[in-house]
Amino acid sequence: MVNKTIISVILLLFCVSIAHAAVVTLKSGKKINGKIIERTDKYIKMDIGGSEVYYENKYVKDIIEEDAQKSAESSEITAGPKDNFLKQGLKLASEGKFDLAESQFNKGLAANKDDYNILSAQDLLSQLKEGKVTEEFVKYLFQGSYNMIDENYPAAIEALKKAHEIKSDDLDIAYNLGVAYYSINEFDKAIEYLKKVVSNRPKDGMAYSYLGSSCMSLGKAQEAENNFTEAKKLFEESGDAENASEMRKILAKILLTSSPQ
């Protein structure tokens, strides 16, 4: 499942025709090798073995294009452990050290100018400077993001709940609370937040897939099947062949276990 950061982004719409070899890392940890043939502020489209597959940006953790990777390898910048600049920046921002955080994010962008998560973090800092969001809210978001990446889900929940109290209509926060509760096996609470997401964002296939998994963990087989079926449909509609295939496998297993022996 996806370990998704919660930073809300406001990016200018762009669509570029490209065909670069790249390694895409999803927030689930899965790496995909292929060619990026289209890129917008909402998704990337990849050619993987002759098949076109779409991935929404909110589920992408990192993109390393062949040219960017070579540039980073030849640069004097050494990022150290993977996502070091991102994690350090998130940690500093969560402590209210926004100038230092921005410096880390800039170093990360120098290594990979298309890092979606860092661009999102930079955008949130810009919103803070423009007075669109409060410092308190931003700190909670960064605390939640840092702890989600660090897989410290109880700490992420604590911060995200405080952010959610300030902005209760933010569906990205609700989604991440659902994922965090799912990750610590508190499935009832996960369902509560994920249902809020799918009620207001009915095209979110990943929310439906997490909702299905949470229901299945509580033995609610029919609810789980309904949610997995909806997730499969949404993944198919968006061209996400990989996740659609995963949903078909899960549904096949449900059918097998529910069939009379």
Protein backbone atom coordinates (compact mmCIF):
# COMPACT_ATOMS: atom_id res chain seq x y z
CA MET A 1 0.00 0.00 0.00
CA VAL A 2 0.96 3.56 -0.45
CA ASN A 3 2.76 5.62 2.14
CA LYS A 4 1.61 8.96 0.98
CA THR A 5 2.72 12.40 2.21
CA ILE A 6 0.00 14.92 2.96
CA ILE A 7 1.25 18.17 1.52
CA SER A 8 -1.47 19.85 -0.57
CA VAL A 9 -0.14 21.34 -3.79
CA ILE A 10 -1.20 24.18 -6.10
CA LEU A 11 0.84 23.84 -9.27
CA LEU A 12 0.46 25.47 -12.65
CA LEU A 13 -0.94 23.06 -15.20
CA PHE A 14 1.65 21.77 -17.57
CA CYS A 15 1.80 18.94 -20.03
CA VAL A 16 5.07 17.99 -21.67
CA SER A 17 5.71 15.46 -24.39
CA ILE A 18 8.76 13.51 -23.30
CA ALA A 19 10.26 10.05 -23.69
CA HIS A 20 12.97 9.69 -21.08
CA ALA A 21 14.07 6.46 -19.45
CA ALA A 22 13.29 6.72 -15.76
CA VAL A 23 12.99 4.84 -12.51
CA VAL A 24 9.76 5.74 -10.70
CA THR A 25 9.44 4.87 -7.02
CA LEU A 26 5.90 4.70 -5.68
CA LYS A 27 5.15 5.57 -2.08
CA SER A 28 4.49 1.88 -1.51
CA GLY A 29 8.23 1.36 -2.14
CA LYS A 30 7.75 -0.31 -5.52
CA LYS A 31 10.16 0.74 -8.30
CA ILE A 32 9.06 0.91 -11.92
CA ASN A 33 11.46 1.08 -14.85
CA GLY A 34 10.22 2.50 -18.12
CA LYS A 35 9.97 5.59 -20.29
CA ILE A 36 8.01 8.67 -19.31
CA ILE A 37 6.03 9.69 -22.37
CA GLU A 38 3.74 12.30 -20.82
CA ARG A 39 3.82 14.33 -17.64
CA THR A 40 1.27 16.71 -16.14
CA ASP A 41 0.64 18.21 -12.72
CA LYS A 42 -1.81 15.34 -12.07
CA TYR A 43 -0.12 12.22 -13.44
CA ILE A 44 2.70 10.68 -15.40
CA LYS A 45 2.21 8.27 -18.29
CA MET A 46 4.87 5.62 -18.81
CA ASP A 47 5.72 3.16 -21.53
CA ILE A 48 6.44 -0.10 -19.73
CA GLY A 49 7.30 -2.92 -22.10
CA GLY A 50 5.10 -1.47 -24.82
CA SER A 51 2.11 -0.83 -22.52
CA GLU A 52 1.02 2.64 -21.45
CA VAL A 53 0.48 2.96 -17.71
CA TYR A 54 -0.68 6.02 -15.74
CA TYR A 55 0.41 6.90 -12.22
CA GLU A 56 -1.14 9.80 -10.30
CA ASN A 57 1.52 12.14 -8.90
CA LYS A 58 0.11 11.90 -5.39
CA TYR A 59 1.15 8.23 -5.29
CA VAL A 60 4.65 8.84 -6.68
CA LYS A 61 7.48 9.14 -4.18
CA ASP A 62 10.40 9.83 -6.50
CA ILE A 63 11.28 10.03 -10.19
CA ILE A 64 14.85 9.64 -11.35
CA GLU A 65 15.25 10.24 -15.05
CA GLU A 66 18.30 8.95 -16.85
CA ASP A 67 19.67 12.44 -17.52
CA ALA A 68 18.93 13.65 -13.99
CA GLN A 69 20.57 10.58 -12.51
CA LYS A 70 23.72 11.11 -14.51
CA SER A 71 23.74 14.77 -13.54
CA ALA A 72 23.32 13.94 -9.89
CA GLU A 73 26.08 11.36 -10.01
CA SER A 74 28.49 13.87 -11.53
CA SER A 75 27.45 16.69 -9.22
CA GLU A 76 29.31 17.73 -6.13
CA ILE A 77 26.05 17.35 -4.24
CA THR A 78 25.90 14.10 -2.34
CA ALA A 79 22.48 13.44 -0.94
CA GLY A 80 23.61 10.63 1.32
CA PRO A 81 20.83 8.20 2.20
CA LYS A 82 17.87 8.15 -0.14
CA ASP A 83 15.45 11.04 0.43
CA ASN A 84 17.94 12.65 2.83
CA PHE A 85 17.21 16.18 1.63
CA LEU A 86 13.48 15.61 1.76
CA LYS A 87 13.53 14.04 5.21
CA GLN A 88 15.88 16.62 6.66
CA GLY A 89 13.80 19.41 5.17
CA LEU A 90 10.58 17.94 6.54
CA LYS A 91 12.12 17.53 9.99
CA LEU A 92 13.39 21.12 10.05
CA ALA A 93 10.05 22.46 8.81
CA SER A 94 8.21 20.42 11.44
CA GLU A 95 10.29 22.29 14.04
CA GLY A 96 9.41 25.65 12.52
CA LYS A 97 12.88 26.15 11.00
CA PHE A 98 11.48 27.06 7.62
CA ASP A 99 14.52 28.83 6.16
CA LEU A 100 16.77 25.87 6.94
CA ALA A 101 14.14 23.51 5.57
CA GLU A 102 13.96 25.49 2.32
CA SER A 103 17.73 25.23 2.00
CA GLN A 104 17.51 21.43 2.21
CA PHE A 105 14.68 21.33 -0.30
CA ASN A 106 16.72 23.48 -2.72
CA LYS A 107 19.63 21.03 -2.45
CA GLY A 108 17.26 18.18 -3.21
CA LEU A 109 15.93 19.97 -6.28
CA ALA A 110 19.48 20.62 -7.46
CA ALA A 111 19.93 16.85 -7.53
CA ASN A 112 16.51 16.17 -9.03
CA LYS A 113 14.55 19.20 -10.20
CA ASP A 114 11.41 17.12 -10.73
CA ASP A 115 11.14 15.62 -7.23
CA TYR A 116 7.38 15.87 -6.71
CA ASN A 117 7.44 15.68 -2.92
CA ILE A 118 10.06 18.41 -2.58
CA LEU A 119 8.21 20.64 -5.04
CA SER A 120 5.08 20.09 -2.95
CA ALA A 121 6.94 21.02 0.23
CA GLN A 122 8.30 24.16 -1.42
CA ASP A 123 4.83 25.10 -2.53
CA LEU A 124 3.50 24.76 1.01
CA LEU A 125 6.25 27.07 2.27
CA SER A 126 5.28 29.55 -0.44
CA GLN A 127 1.67 29.43 0.73
CA LEU A 128 2.90 30.15 4.26
CA LYS A 129 4.89 33.18 3.08
CA GLU A 130 1.85 34.47 1.21
CA GLY A 131 -0.31 34.12 4.30
CA LYS A 132 -2.60 31.51 2.74
CA VAL A 133 -2.00 29.03 5.57
CA THR A 134 -0.97 29.46 9.21
CA GLU A 135 2.38 28.51 10.67
CA GLU A 136 0.68 26.19 13.14
CA PHE A 137 -1.12 24.31 10.37
CA VAL A 138 2.05 24.02 8.27
CA LYS A 139 4.08 22.67 11.19
CA TYR A 140 1.49 19.96 11.85
CA LEU A 141 1.45 19.01 8.17
CA PHE A 142 5.22 18.74 8.04
CA GLN A 143 5.28 16.76 11.29
CA GLY A 144 2.72 14.38 9.84
CA SER A 145 4.60 14.06 6.54
CA TYR A 146 7.93 13.45 8.24
CA ASN A 147 6.52 10.77 10.51
CA MET A 148 4.61 9.09 7.68
CA ILE A 149 7.83 8.78 5.68
CA ASP A 150 9.63 7.60 8.82
CA GLU A 151 6.82 5.06 9.41
CA ASN A 152 6.23 6.47 12.89
CA TYR A 153 2.49 6.22 12.48
CA PRO A 154 1.38 7.09 16.05
CA ALA A 155 3.33 10.36 15.87
CA ALA A 156 1.97 10.99 12.36
CA ILE A 157 -1.58 10.47 13.62
CA GLU A 158 -1.07 12.89 16.50
CA ALA A 159 0.14 15.65 14.16
CA LEU A 160 -2.36 14.97 11.40
CA LYS A 161 -5.30 15.03 13.80
CA LYS A 162 -4.23 18.49 14.96
CA ALA A 163 -3.98 19.63 11.33
CA HIS A 164 -7.39 18.08 10.65
CA GLU A 165 -8.91 20.06 13.52
CA ILE A 166 -7.73 23.24 11.81
CA LYS A 167 -8.81 22.20 8.32
CA SER A 168 -11.41 19.46 8.60
CA ASP A 169 -12.29 19.51 4.90
CA ASP A 170 -8.77 18.58 3.74
CA LEU A 171 -9.21 15.16 2.17
CA ASP A 172 -5.46 14.51 1.86
CA ILE A 173 -5.19 14.73 5.64
CA ALA A 174 -8.17 12.39 6.04
CA TYR A 175 -6.60 9.96 3.57
CA ASN A 176 -3.31 9.90 5.42
CA LEU A 177 -5.03 9.43 8.75
CA GLY A 178 -6.79 6.44 7.21
CA VAL A 179 -3.51 5.03 5.94
CA ALA A 180 -1.76 5.65 9.26
CA TYR A 181 -4.52 3.94 11.27
CA TYR A 182 -4.53 1.05 8.79
CA SER A 183 -0.77 0.72 9.25
CA ILE A 184 -1.14 0.21 13.01
CA ASN A 185 -4.10 -2.17 12.60
CA GLU A 186 -6.73 0.23 13.93
CA PHE A 187 -9.09 -0.64 11.12
CA ASP A 188 -12.29 0.91 12.49
CA LYS A 189 -10.63 4.32 12.62
CA ALA A 190 -9.07 3.77 9.21
CA ILE A 191 -12.51 3.06 7.78
CA GLU A 192 -13.94 6.20 9.36
CA TYR A 193 -11.44 8.47 7.60
CA LEU A 194 -11.32 6.55 4.32
CA LYS A 195 -15.11 6.62 3.99
CA LYS A 196 -14.93 10.39 4.32
CA VAL A 197 -12.44 10.46 1.45
CA VAL A 198 -14.41 8.27 -0.96
CA SER A 199 -17.65 10.10 -0.13
CA ASN A 200 -16.12 13.40 -1.21
CA ARG A 201 -13.53 12.15 -3.72
CA PRO A 202 -15.23 9.19 -5.41
CA LYS A 203 -12.52 8.76 -8.05
CA ASP A 204 -9.78 7.93 -5.52
CA GLY A 205 -8.91 4.32 -6.30
CA MET A 206 -6.23 4.05 -3.62
CA ALA A 207 -8.68 5.18 -0.92
CA TYR A 208 -11.09 2.46 -2.03
CA SER A 209 -8.30 -0.14 -1.99
CA TYR A 210 -7.28 0.79 1.56
CA LEU A 211 -10.93 0.81 2.56
CA GLY A 212 -11.31 -2.68 1.13
CA SER A 213 -8.25 -3.93 2.99
CA SER A 214 -9.50 -2.40 6.25
CA CYS A 215 -12.92 -4.04 5.85
CA MET A 216 -11.32 -7.38 5.01
CA SER A 217 -9.17 -7.18 8.13
CA LEU A 218 -12.35 -6.84 10.20
CA GLY A 219 -14.00 -9.77 8.47
CA LYS A 220 -16.41 -7.59 6.50
CA ALA A 221 -16.02 -9.62 3.34
CA GLN A 222 -18.90 -8.16 1.33
CA GLU A 223 -17.92 -4.56 2.08
CA ALA A 224 -14.34 -5.40 1.21
CA GLU A 225 -15.38 -6.95 -2.09
CA ASN A 226 -17.49 -3.90 -2.98
CA ASN A 227 -14.61 -1.53 -2.29
CA PHE A 228 -12.04 -3.63 -4.14
CA THR A 229 -14.43 -3.83 -7.11
CA GLU A 230 -14.78 -0.04 -7.15
CA ALA A 231 -11.01 0.37 -6.85
CA LYS A 232 -10.47 -2.00 -9.79
CA LYS A 233 -12.92 -0.05 -11.93
CA LEU A 234 -11.27 3.27 -11.11
CA PHE A 235 -7.77 1.92 -11.77
CA GLU A 236 -8.92 0.53 -15.11
CA GLU A 237 -10.55 3.84 -16.05
CA SER A 238 -7.38 5.76 -15.22
CA GLY A 239 -5.16 3.34 -17.13
CA ASP A 240 -3.39 2.13 -13.97
CA ALA A 241 -2.88 -1.42 -15.19
CA GLU A 242 -0.66 -2.46 -12.30
CA ASN A 243 -3.07 -1.60 -9.50
CA ALA A 244 -6.04 -2.85 -11.52
CA SER A 245 -4.25 -6.19 -11.83
CA GLU A 246 -3.66 -6.26 -8.05
CA MET A 247 -7.36 -5.67 -7.43
CA ARG A 248 -8.30 -8.49 -9.82
CA LYS A 249 -5.99 -10.86 -7.93
CA ILE A 250 -7.53 -9.89 -4.59
CA LEU A 251 -11.08 -10.27 -5.92
CA ALA A 252 -10.20 -13.68 -7.36
CA LYS A 253 -8.96 -14.79 -3.93
CA ILE A 254 -12.16 -13.52 -2.29
CA LEU A 255 -14.23 -15.46 -4.81
CA LEU A 256 -12.17 -18.58 -4.24
CA THR A 257 -12.49 -18.46 -0.45
CA SER A 258 -16.23 -17.73 -0.59
CA SER A 259 -17.00 -20.55 -3.07
CA PRO A 260 -18.45 -23.79 -1.65
CA GLN A 261 -15.80 -26.49 -1.30
